[in-house]
Amino acid sequence: MKKSLLLLLTVITLFSACNQDDEPIVQPIDLTIQVMVDESFGGDPMANAEVKLTNVTSTQTFSAISDVDGFVEFEALPSGTYDVVATRTFNQEEFSSTFGYSIEEEEVVFNASSPALVVNAQTSMPAMMTLEVGKVGDLLIKQVYFAGSNTREGASFRDQFIEIYNNSNETIFVDGLYVMGAYGKNSTRESDYDQPNGQYDWSQSVGMSADGDPNNDYFYTRWLYQVPGDGDDYPLEPGESIVIAQSAQNHKAPFTDTEGETISVQNPALTVDLSGAEFEVYVADVISNPMPSDIDNPGVPNMIAHYIFGRDFLLDNPGRDSYLIFRMDGDINDLPTYADPTDREITSETDVKIQVPKEYIIDGVEIQRAPTNLLPKKLTNDVDASYTYVPGGSFSSQSVIRKTASQVGDRVILKDTNNSSEDFTYLEMAAPKGFAN
């Protein structure tokens, strides 16, 4: 990931009036945003940042460039809910002259976002926003096919997969790479164990003893799998990817499940062929009641299961999961575990989550159901400043996929500003090893 920033913003001036019949009417809103960089970059105003607002209902967009003092002003803005994104790109020379030191990257992209900014009479008015720096990595989550395909004519959820891409110009061995679903609150219902953003407050977990901030310095496992290998078994060339399948079968063709039943689809065009996946998740040798579709393809290496959710490698169809990849030295079993904060009585039967330090994270993608149906974010803003989604929803055959930024010879370089609303689009039909554009 290239360096990125988070925009925490909201400055709103609202004017309202009454018509001649004394019926209240809502007047347009003047919105002022000041963009500042984090103290680690000097804490100064960020000039020449593009700030874009998108109304989540009408999809109408507004954009402006910040002035020398970091201010952006939007006049007569229609009231509503907006996704806000800010971007500032520096080349090497600009970065050095602005921040006083050199960088190896050809360019550094600062980005920020505030999803679902509600603009109305109750909106608070802070005058300053902090831009946080994101993380850097060469492996990216390229495509996530969580929606699945039609339950009657397609393959339902059993054709799900995640694709991971080498965005660098060097060979990377993926041996030992962890792939994780981030656990978090999947409702907007308030409780006594929430942060102000609506997500769980892990500092209230029973027995919490983490160094630092349990909410912002760590993630917690919904599920966790690991690429096998001894360190030099699975090289990934520049511009190549690995597909991790729930079931490495050709879902377009009939096959037999573990109960001897024939699995087939009415419309093969709605699903995908995963028989050529690099890895698959097989849990039947770990749990006693796997899904009947959990079939071991002997020609495809199995992921190592560390934390299983459900009866297979099940990605949330509506889009309530978020995804991370990371590496670490040492044994994953040495990491501490905690129950979510709402579990107040811990027993041997309590479902505890592995606590993974954020410093290990290589890449992350926040998924949501839709802009008009947002849940509290699971990923911190310096890992993913925003989110992505598929407009067709569950069982639509759609996947989220990274956009192409550029091409060097035959090697495609994917977009990575650490802001999924900018970096991702969707495919009408998921395509393992495909590209968005």
Protein backbone atom coordinates (compact mmCIF):
# COMPACT_ATOMS: atom_id res chain seq x y z
CA MET A 1 0.00 0.00 0.00
CA LYS A 2 1.16 3.50 -0.71
CA LYS A 3 1.12 6.01 2.09
CA SER A 4 -2.29 7.35 2.82
CA LEU A 5 -4.21 9.54 5.18
CA LEU A 6 -7.53 9.60 6.88
CA LEU A 7 -9.74 12.67 6.77
CA LEU A 8 -11.75 13.17 9.93
CA LEU A 9 -14.00 16.02 9.06
CA THR A 10 -17.22 17.82 9.47
CA VAL A 11 -17.74 21.55 9.47
CA ILE A 12 -21.25 22.59 8.69
CA THR A 13 -23.21 25.84 8.71
CA LEU A 14 -26.92 25.34 8.29
CA PHE A 15 -29.44 27.98 7.33
CA SER A 16 -33.16 27.32 7.66
CA ALA A 17 -36.19 29.51 7.19
CA CYS A 18 -39.95 29.48 6.89
CA ASN A 19 -42.18 30.14 3.94
CA GLN A 20 -45.09 32.55 3.89
CA ASP A 21 -47.38 29.90 5.40
CA ASP A 22 -44.94 29.44 8.32
CA GLU A 23 -44.18 25.90 7.17
CA PRO A 24 -40.54 24.97 7.82
CA ILE A 25 -38.34 24.57 4.79
CA VAL A 26 -34.73 23.41 4.61
CA GLN A 27 -32.30 25.81 3.01
CA PRO A 28 -29.07 24.73 1.29
CA ILE A 29 -26.06 24.22 3.56
CA ASP A 30 -22.65 25.85 3.44
CA LEU A 31 -19.96 23.30 4.32
CA THR A 32 -16.40 24.29 5.21
CA ILE A 33 -13.62 21.73 5.66
CA GLN A 34 -10.04 22.38 6.71
CA VAL A 35 -7.59 19.63 5.79
CA MET A 36 -4.55 19.25 8.07
CA VAL A 37 -1.76 16.69 8.08
CA ASP A 38 -0.86 14.59 11.10
CA GLU A 39 1.68 15.93 13.59
CA SER A 40 4.21 13.36 12.33
CA PHE A 41 4.19 15.31 9.04
CA GLY A 42 4.32 18.71 10.71
CA GLY A 43 0.63 19.32 11.49
CA ASP A 44 0.31 21.97 8.78
CA PRO A 45 -2.63 22.70 6.47
CA MET A 46 -2.76 20.54 3.34
CA ALA A 47 -3.03 22.67 0.23
CA ASN A 48 -4.09 21.36 -3.19
CA ALA A 49 -5.98 18.40 -1.77
CA GLU A 50 -9.01 17.38 -3.80
CA VAL A 51 -12.07 16.89 -1.62
CA LYS A 52 -15.02 15.08 -3.17
CA LEU A 53 -18.48 14.66 -1.69
CA THR A 54 -20.93 12.07 -3.03
CA ASN A 55 -24.56 12.04 -1.95
CA VAL A 56 -25.30 8.41 -1.10
CA THR A 57 -28.92 8.68 -2.24
CA SER A 58 -28.73 10.72 -5.44
CA THR A 59 -25.05 9.91 -6.24
CA GLN A 60 -24.64 13.62 -7.03
CA THR A 61 -21.00 14.67 -6.53
CA PHE A 62 -19.30 17.92 -5.53
CA SER A 63 -15.55 18.55 -5.55
CA ALA A 64 -13.17 21.34 -4.65
CA ILE A 65 -9.45 21.94 -4.06
CA SER A 66 -8.13 23.07 -0.70
CA ASP A 67 -6.45 26.49 -0.55
CA VAL A 68 -3.07 27.37 0.97
CA ASP A 69 -4.61 27.25 4.45
CA GLY A 70 -6.18 23.84 3.81
CA PHE A 71 -9.73 25.18 3.54
CA VAL A 72 -12.37 23.81 1.19
CA GLU A 73 -15.76 25.48 0.95
CA PHE A 74 -18.95 24.06 -0.52
CA GLU A 75 -21.77 26.55 -0.92
CA ALA A 76 -25.49 25.76 -1.08
CA LEU A 77 -24.95 22.04 -0.54
CA PRO A 78 -28.19 20.00 -0.53
CA SER A 79 -28.83 18.40 2.85
CA GLY A 80 -28.38 14.64 3.04
CA THR A 81 -25.80 11.95 3.72
CA TYR A 82 -22.45 12.11 1.95
CA ASP A 83 -19.36 10.01 1.48
CA VAL A 84 -16.38 12.37 1.67
CA VAL A 85 -13.00 11.56 0.11
CA ALA A 86 -9.85 13.68 0.04
CA THR A 87 -6.74 12.93 -2.03
CA ARG A 88 -3.34 14.58 -2.41
CA THR A 89 -0.58 13.03 -4.52
CA PHE A 90 3.08 14.02 -4.21
CA ASN A 91 5.89 13.04 -6.55
CA GLN A 92 9.37 12.61 -5.08
CA GLU A 93 10.40 16.22 -5.64
CA GLU A 94 7.18 17.68 -4.21
CA PHE A 95 7.33 15.41 -1.19
CA SER A 96 10.93 16.33 -0.43
CA SER A 97 10.31 20.06 -0.74
CA THR A 98 7.16 19.86 1.40
CA PHE A 99 8.25 17.53 4.18
CA GLY A 100 12.01 17.91 4.12
CA TYR A 101 13.17 14.38 3.40
CA SER A 102 13.38 12.05 0.43
CA ILE A 103 11.34 8.96 -0.37
CA GLU A 104 12.04 5.86 -2.45
CA GLU A 105 8.55 5.67 -3.96
CA GLU A 106 7.89 7.47 -7.24
CA GLU A 107 4.84 9.03 -5.64
CA VAL A 108 3.04 9.10 -2.31
CA VAL A 109 -0.74 9.31 -2.19
CA PHE A 110 -2.35 10.86 0.86
CA ASN A 111 -6.03 10.05 1.10
CA ALA A 112 -8.77 10.40 3.61
CA SER A 113 -12.46 9.78 3.95
CA SER A 114 -15.49 10.23 6.12
CA PRO A 115 -18.18 7.75 5.08
CA ALA A 116 -21.83 8.58 5.70
CA LEU A 117 -21.38 12.18 6.78
CA VAL A 118 -24.88 13.35 7.72
CA VAL A 119 -25.45 16.98 6.83
CA ASN A 120 -28.37 18.37 8.80
CA ALA A 121 -29.23 20.78 11.62
CA GLN A 122 -27.80 18.40 14.24
CA THR A 123 -24.38 18.00 12.63
CA SER A 124 -21.53 19.13 14.88
CA MET A 125 -18.98 21.67 13.68
CA PRO A 126 -15.30 20.86 14.45
CA ALA A 127 -12.95 23.33 12.77
CA MET A 128 -9.99 21.03 12.16
CA MET A 129 -9.45 17.51 10.83
CA THR A 130 -6.47 15.21 11.37
CA LEU A 131 -4.97 13.27 8.47
CA GLU A 132 -3.38 9.99 9.50
CA VAL A 133 -0.69 8.07 7.65
CA GLY A 134 -1.44 4.56 6.41
CA LYS A 135 0.66 1.46 5.92
CA VAL A 136 2.83 0.28 3.03
CA GLY A 137 2.97 -3.19 1.45
CA ASP A 138 3.49 -5.06 -1.81
CA LEU A 139 0.84 -7.79 -1.52
CA LEU A 140 -2.70 -6.58 -2.05
CA ILE A 141 -6.16 -8.00 -1.66
CA LYS A 142 -7.14 -7.78 -5.31
CA GLN A 143 -10.63 -9.34 -5.51
CA VAL A 144 -13.18 -10.57 -2.98
CA TYR A 145 -16.10 -12.65 -4.17
CA PHE A 146 -18.31 -12.76 -1.10
CA ALA A 147 -21.77 -12.28 -2.63
CA GLY A 148 -22.04 -15.77 -4.13
CA SER A 149 -24.39 -16.69 -6.96
CA ASN A 150 -28.10 -17.37 -7.30
CA THR A 151 -29.32 -19.96 -4.80
CA ARG A 152 -31.47 -21.80 -7.37
CA GLU A 153 -29.70 -21.25 -10.69
CA GLY A 154 -26.15 -20.69 -9.42
CA ALA A 155 -23.84 -22.11 -6.78
CA SER A 156 -25.14 -20.17 -3.76
CA PHE A 157 -22.22 -19.43 -1.42
CA ARG A 158 -19.94 -22.39 -2.19
CA ASP A 159 -18.16 -20.59 -5.07
CA GLN A 160 -16.72 -17.80 -2.90
CA PHE A 161 -13.04 -16.85 -3.14
CA ILE A 162 -10.41 -14.26 -2.26
CA GLU A 163 -7.64 -13.23 -4.65
CA ILE A 164 -4.28 -11.81 -3.49
CA TYR A 165 -1.94 -9.98 -5.90
CA ASN A 166 1.77 -9.17 -6.06
CA ASN A 167 1.76 -5.46 -6.90
CA SER A 168 5.54 -5.13 -6.62
CA ASN A 169 8.32 -5.64 -9.16
CA GLU A 170 9.92 -8.49 -7.20
CA THR A 171 9.02 -12.13 -6.53
CA ILE A 172 7.36 -12.61 -3.13
CA PHE A 173 7.00 -15.95 -1.37
CA VAL A 174 3.48 -16.21 0.05
CA ASP A 175 4.39 -19.09 2.41
CA GLY A 176 3.02 -18.34 5.87
CA LEU A 177 0.75 -15.49 4.79
CA TYR A 178 -2.31 -15.11 7.02
CA VAL A 179 -5.76 -14.30 5.61
CA MET A 180 -8.22 -13.03 8.17
CA GLY A 181 -11.79 -11.88 8.56
CA ALA A 182 -12.00 -9.02 11.07
CA TYR A 183 -14.52 -9.56 13.85
CA GLY A 184 -16.74 -6.67 14.86
CA LYS A 185 -20.21 -5.47 15.57
CA ASN A 186 -22.68 -6.21 12.76
CA SER A 187 -25.53 -3.99 13.86
CA THR A 188 -26.19 -0.35 14.64
CA ARG A 189 -27.92 -1.17 17.92
CA GLU A 190 -26.28 0.76 20.73
CA SER A 191 -24.91 -0.87 23.87
CA ASP A 192 -22.84 0.04 26.92
CA TYR A 193 -19.82 -1.61 25.31
CA ASP A 194 -19.45 0.58 22.21
CA GLN A 195 -16.97 3.17 21.06
CA PRO A 196 -18.35 6.53 19.88
CA ASN A 197 -18.18 5.22 16.30
CA GLY A 198 -20.61 2.41 17.19
CA GLN A 199 -18.04 -0.40 17.05
CA TYR A 200 -17.17 -2.60 20.03
CA ASP A 201 -15.03 -1.02 22.73
CA TRP A 202 -12.45 -3.76 23.21
CA SER A 203 -10.94 -1.95 26.19
CA GLN A 204 -13.99 -3.24 28.10
CA SER A 205 -13.33 -6.90 27.25
CA VAL A 206 -13.00 -9.04 30.36
CA GLY A 207 -9.33 -9.42 31.29
CA MET A 208 -8.05 -6.99 28.64
CA SER A 209 -4.34 -6.39 29.26
CA ALA A 210 -3.05 -5.27 25.86
CA ASP A 211 -0.29 -2.73 25.54
CA GLY A 212 -1.50 0.39 23.76
CA ASP A 213 -5.04 0.94 22.51
CA PRO A 214 -7.12 -2.26 22.21
CA ASN A 215 -9.42 -0.57 19.69
CA ASN A 216 -6.88 1.03 17.34
CA ASP A 217 -3.70 -1.02 17.73
CA TYR A 218 -5.22 -4.48 17.20
CA PHE A 219 -7.75 -6.49 15.20
CA TYR A 220 -9.75 -9.53 16.32
CA THR A 221 -10.43 -12.70 14.36
CA ARG A 222 -13.76 -13.69 12.89
CA TRP A 223 -11.86 -16.41 11.02
CA LEU A 224 -8.19 -17.02 10.28
CA TYR A 225 -6.36 -19.18 7.72
CA GLN A 226 -2.72 -19.41 6.67
CA VAL A 227 -0.91 -20.28 3.44
CA PRO A 228 1.18 -23.43 4.01
CA GLY A 229 4.87 -23.76 3.12
CA ASP A 230 8.34 -23.56 4.61
CA GLY A 231 9.28 -20.16 3.24
CA ASP A 232 10.34 -20.96 -0.31
CA ASP A 233 7.58 -23.25 -1.59
CA TYR A 234 5.14 -20.77 -3.14
CA PRO A 235 6.78 -17.92 -5.10
CA LEU A 236 4.46 -15.27 -6.50
CA GLU A 237 5.83 -13.39 -9.47
CA PRO A 238 5.26 -9.64 -10.03
CA GLY A 239 1.84 -9.03 -11.54
CA GLU A 240 0.57 -12.50 -10.58
CA SER A 241 -2.01 -13.57 -8.01
CA ILE A 242 -3.21 -16.47 -5.91
CA VAL A 243 -6.84 -17.50 -5.58
CA ILE A 244 -7.99 -18.94 -2.26
CA ALA A 245 -11.22 -20.86 -2.85
CA GLN A 246 -13.83 -22.04 -0.42
CA SER A 247 -14.04 -25.15 -2.59
CA ALA A 248 -11.58 -25.66 -5.46
CA GLN A 249 -14.12 -27.21 -7.83
CA ASN A 250 -15.50 -26.27 -11.22
CA HIS A 251 -18.78 -24.88 -9.97
CA LYS A 252 -20.09 -24.63 -13.51
CA ALA A 253 -20.11 -28.45 -13.84
CA PRO A 254 -21.78 -31.16 -11.72
CA PHE A 255 -19.75 -32.77 -8.95
CA THR A 256 -20.46 -35.05 -5.99
CA ASP A 257 -20.53 -33.77 -2.41
CA THR A 258 -19.39 -35.62 0.71
CA GLU A 259 -22.85 -37.13 1.19
CA GLY A 260 -22.86 -38.66 -2.28
CA GLU A 261 -25.30 -36.12 -3.69
CA THR A 262 -24.73 -34.55 -7.11
CA ILE A 263 -24.26 -30.78 -6.97
CA SER A 264 -25.12 -28.95 -10.18
CA VAL A 265 -26.27 -25.52 -11.30
CA GLN A 266 -29.05 -24.57 -13.68
CA ASN A 267 -27.12 -21.66 -15.20
CA PRO A 268 -23.33 -22.16 -15.35
CA ALA A 269 -22.86 -18.57 -16.53
CA LEU A 270 -23.74 -17.37 -13.02
CA THR A 271 -20.81 -19.06 -11.29
CA VAL A 272 -17.07 -19.69 -11.65
CA ASP A 273 -14.55 -22.45 -12.25
CA LEU A 274 -12.27 -22.64 -9.19
CA SER A 275 -10.65 -25.97 -9.99
CA GLY A 276 -7.45 -24.10 -10.86
CA ALA A 277 -7.25 -22.16 -7.59
CA GLU A 278 -3.83 -22.04 -5.95
CA PHE A 279 -5.25 -22.85 -2.49
CA GLU A 280 -8.50 -24.00 -0.95
CA VAL A 281 -9.97 -24.18 2.52
CA TYR A 282 -10.80 -27.72 3.67
CA VAL A 283 -12.11 -28.01 7.22
CA ALA A 284 -13.47 -31.57 7.30
CA ASP A 285 -10.27 -32.80 8.96
CA VAL A 286 -10.63 -30.16 11.70
CA ILE A 287 -14.35 -30.00 12.57
CA SER A 288 -16.93 -32.76 12.83
CA ASN A 289 -19.79 -31.21 10.86
CA PRO A 290 -18.47 -29.46 7.73
CA MET A 291 -20.72 -28.41 4.88
CA PRO A 292 -21.38 -31.27 2.39
CA SER A 293 -19.81 -29.06 -0.30
CA ASP A 294 -16.51 -28.99 1.63
CA ILE A 295 -14.71 -31.32 -0.76
CA ASP A 296 -10.94 -31.81 -0.77
CA ASN A 297 -9.40 -31.28 -4.19
CA PRO A 298 -6.18 -33.34 -3.91
CA GLY A 299 -4.50 -31.23 -6.58
CA VAL A 300 -4.88 -27.99 -4.63
CA PRO A 301 -2.98 -27.31 -1.37
CA ASN A 302 -5.12 -26.72 1.69
CA MET A 303 -4.89 -23.59 3.80
CA ILE A 304 -3.99 -24.07 7.47
CA ALA A 305 -7.06 -23.45 9.63
CA HIS A 306 -6.37 -21.47 12.80
CA TYR A 307 -9.82 -20.07 13.55
CA ILE A 308 -12.93 -21.40 11.80
CA PHE A 309 -16.21 -19.55 11.58
CA GLY A 310 -19.19 -21.76 10.76
CA ARG A 311 -18.87 -24.99 8.82
CA ASP A 312 -16.60 -23.87 5.97
CA PHE A 313 -14.71 -20.85 4.62
CA LEU A 314 -17.87 -18.77 4.68
CA LEU A 315 -17.71 -15.14 3.59
CA ASP A 316 -20.65 -13.00 4.62
CA ASN A 317 -22.99 -12.76 1.59
CA PRO A 318 -24.57 -9.38 2.40
CA GLY A 319 -21.15 -7.75 2.80
CA ARG A 320 -20.66 -7.38 6.54
CA ASP A 321 -17.14 -8.85 6.69
CA SER A 322 -13.86 -7.00 6.33
CA TYR A 323 -10.62 -8.66 5.25
CA LEU A 324 -6.95 -8.48 6.22
CA ILE A 325 -3.69 -10.12 5.20
CA PHE A 326 -0.67 -10.15 7.50
CA ARG A 327 2.60 -11.82 8.41
CA MET A 328 4.19 -12.44 11.78
CA ASP A 329 7.17 -14.21 13.28
CA GLY A 330 6.52 -16.76 15.97
CA ASP A 331 3.51 -18.91 16.77
CA ILE A 332 0.02 -17.48 16.19
CA ASN A 333 -1.10 -19.48 19.21
CA ASP A 334 1.08 -17.30 21.44
CA LEU A 335 -1.12 -14.27 20.73
CA PRO A 336 -3.66 -13.41 23.46
CA THR A 337 -7.37 -14.07 23.04
CA TYR A 338 -10.37 -12.12 24.30
CA ALA A 339 -14.13 -12.43 24.22
CA ASP A 340 -16.06 -9.59 22.67
CA PRO A 341 -16.96 -6.91 25.22
CA THR A 342 -20.58 -8.00 25.54
CA ASP A 343 -19.54 -11.39 27.00
CA ARG A 344 -19.25 -10.64 30.70
CA GLU A 345 -18.98 -14.19 32.08
CA ILE A 346 -16.06 -16.09 30.57
CA THR A 347 -16.21 -19.90 30.65
CA SER A 348 -14.51 -22.71 28.78
CA GLU A 349 -17.33 -22.47 26.21
CA THR A 350 -16.90 -18.76 25.51
CA ASP A 351 -15.92 -17.92 21.94
CA VAL A 352 -12.72 -15.90 22.25
CA LYS A 353 -10.99 -14.01 19.43
CA ILE A 354 -7.29 -13.89 18.62
CA GLN A 355 -5.89 -10.38 19.10
CA VAL A 356 -3.67 -9.49 16.11
CA PRO A 357 -1.38 -6.42 16.34
CA LYS A 358 -2.02 -3.88 13.61
CA GLU A 359 1.71 -3.57 12.98
CA TYR A 360 1.59 -7.01 11.28
CA ILE A 361 -1.04 -5.97 8.73
CA ILE A 362 -0.02 -5.79 5.05
CA ASP A 363 -3.37 -4.86 3.50
CA GLY A 364 -7.02 -4.56 4.45
CA VAL A 365 -10.35 -4.04 2.71
CA GLU A 366 -13.48 -2.77 4.42
CA ILE A 367 -16.72 -4.18 2.96
CA GLN A 368 -20.17 -2.73 3.55
CA ARG A 369 -23.66 -3.69 2.42
CA ALA A 370 -24.44 -0.39 0.67
CA PRO A 371 -23.84 3.34 1.19
CA THR A 372 -27.37 3.70 2.55
CA ASN A 373 -27.04 0.74 4.93
CA LEU A 374 -23.71 1.23 6.68
CA LEU A 375 -22.48 -0.63 9.74
CA PRO A 376 -19.78 0.54 12.16
CA LYS A 377 -16.36 0.21 10.49
CA LYS A 378 -14.30 -2.79 11.53
CA LEU A 379 -10.97 -1.57 10.13
CA THR A 380 -9.14 1.45 11.44
CA ASN A 381 -8.96 4.35 9.03
CA ASP A 382 -5.21 4.08 8.51
CA VAL A 383 -5.69 0.54 7.15
CA ASP A 384 -8.69 1.40 4.98
CA ALA A 385 -10.03 4.94 5.04
CA SER A 386 -13.36 4.00 3.45
CA TYR A 387 -15.16 0.90 2.08
CA THR A 388 -16.36 -0.91 -1.02
CA TYR A 389 -19.48 -2.93 -1.84
CA VAL A 390 -21.36 -4.73 -4.61
CA PRO A 391 -24.56 -2.98 -5.71
CA GLY A 392 -26.34 -6.26 -6.49
CA GLY A 393 -26.05 -7.56 -2.94
CA SER A 394 -26.23 -11.19 -1.87
CA PHE A 395 -26.11 -13.97 -4.49
CA SER A 396 -25.62 -11.46 -7.33
CA SER A 397 -22.46 -13.10 -8.79
CA GLN A 398 -20.73 -9.73 -8.36
CA SER A 399 -17.30 -9.25 -6.79
CA VAL A 400 -15.32 -6.24 -5.62
CA ILE A 401 -12.02 -5.78 -7.47
CA ARG A 402 -9.18 -3.27 -7.51
CA LYS A 403 -8.90 -0.78 -10.33
CA THR A 404 -5.88 -0.71 -12.61
CA ALA A 405 -3.58 2.25 -11.93
CA SER A 406 -1.05 1.75 -14.73
CA GLN A 407 0.80 -0.86 -16.75
CA VAL A 408 4.52 -1.47 -17.14
CA GLY A 409 5.06 -3.82 -20.07
CA ASP A 410 2.81 -6.79 -19.40
CA ARG A 411 2.63 -6.12 -15.66
CA VAL A 412 -0.52 -4.45 -14.37
CA ILE A 413 -0.08 -2.16 -11.38
CA LEU A 414 -3.22 -1.97 -9.27
CA LYS A 415 -4.50 1.17 -7.61
CA ASP A 416 -3.64 1.42 -3.94
CA THR A 417 -4.34 4.64 -2.09
CA ASN A 418 -5.46 2.78 1.01
CA ASN A 419 -9.01 3.99 0.41
CA SER A 420 -11.34 1.33 -0.94
CA SER A 421 -13.95 3.77 -2.22
CA GLU A 422 -11.26 5.06 -4.58
CA ASP A 423 -9.32 1.85 -5.21
CA PHE A 424 -12.11 -0.64 -5.87
CA THR A 425 -14.93 -1.13 -8.31
CA TYR A 426 -17.03 -4.24 -8.97
CA LEU A 427 -17.44 -6.91 -11.62
CA GLU A 428 -20.92 -7.94 -12.76
CA MET A 429 -19.55 -11.50 -12.86
CA ALA A 430 -16.68 -12.50 -10.57
CA ALA A 431 -13.60 -13.49 -12.58
CA PRO A 432 -10.65 -15.25 -10.90
CA LYS A 433 -7.42 -13.70 -12.26
CA GLY A 434 -9.45 -11.06 -14.13
CA PHE A 435 -8.95 -7.30 -14.07
CA ALA A 436 -11.35 -4.41 -13.69
CA ASN A 437 -10.01 -2.32 -16.57
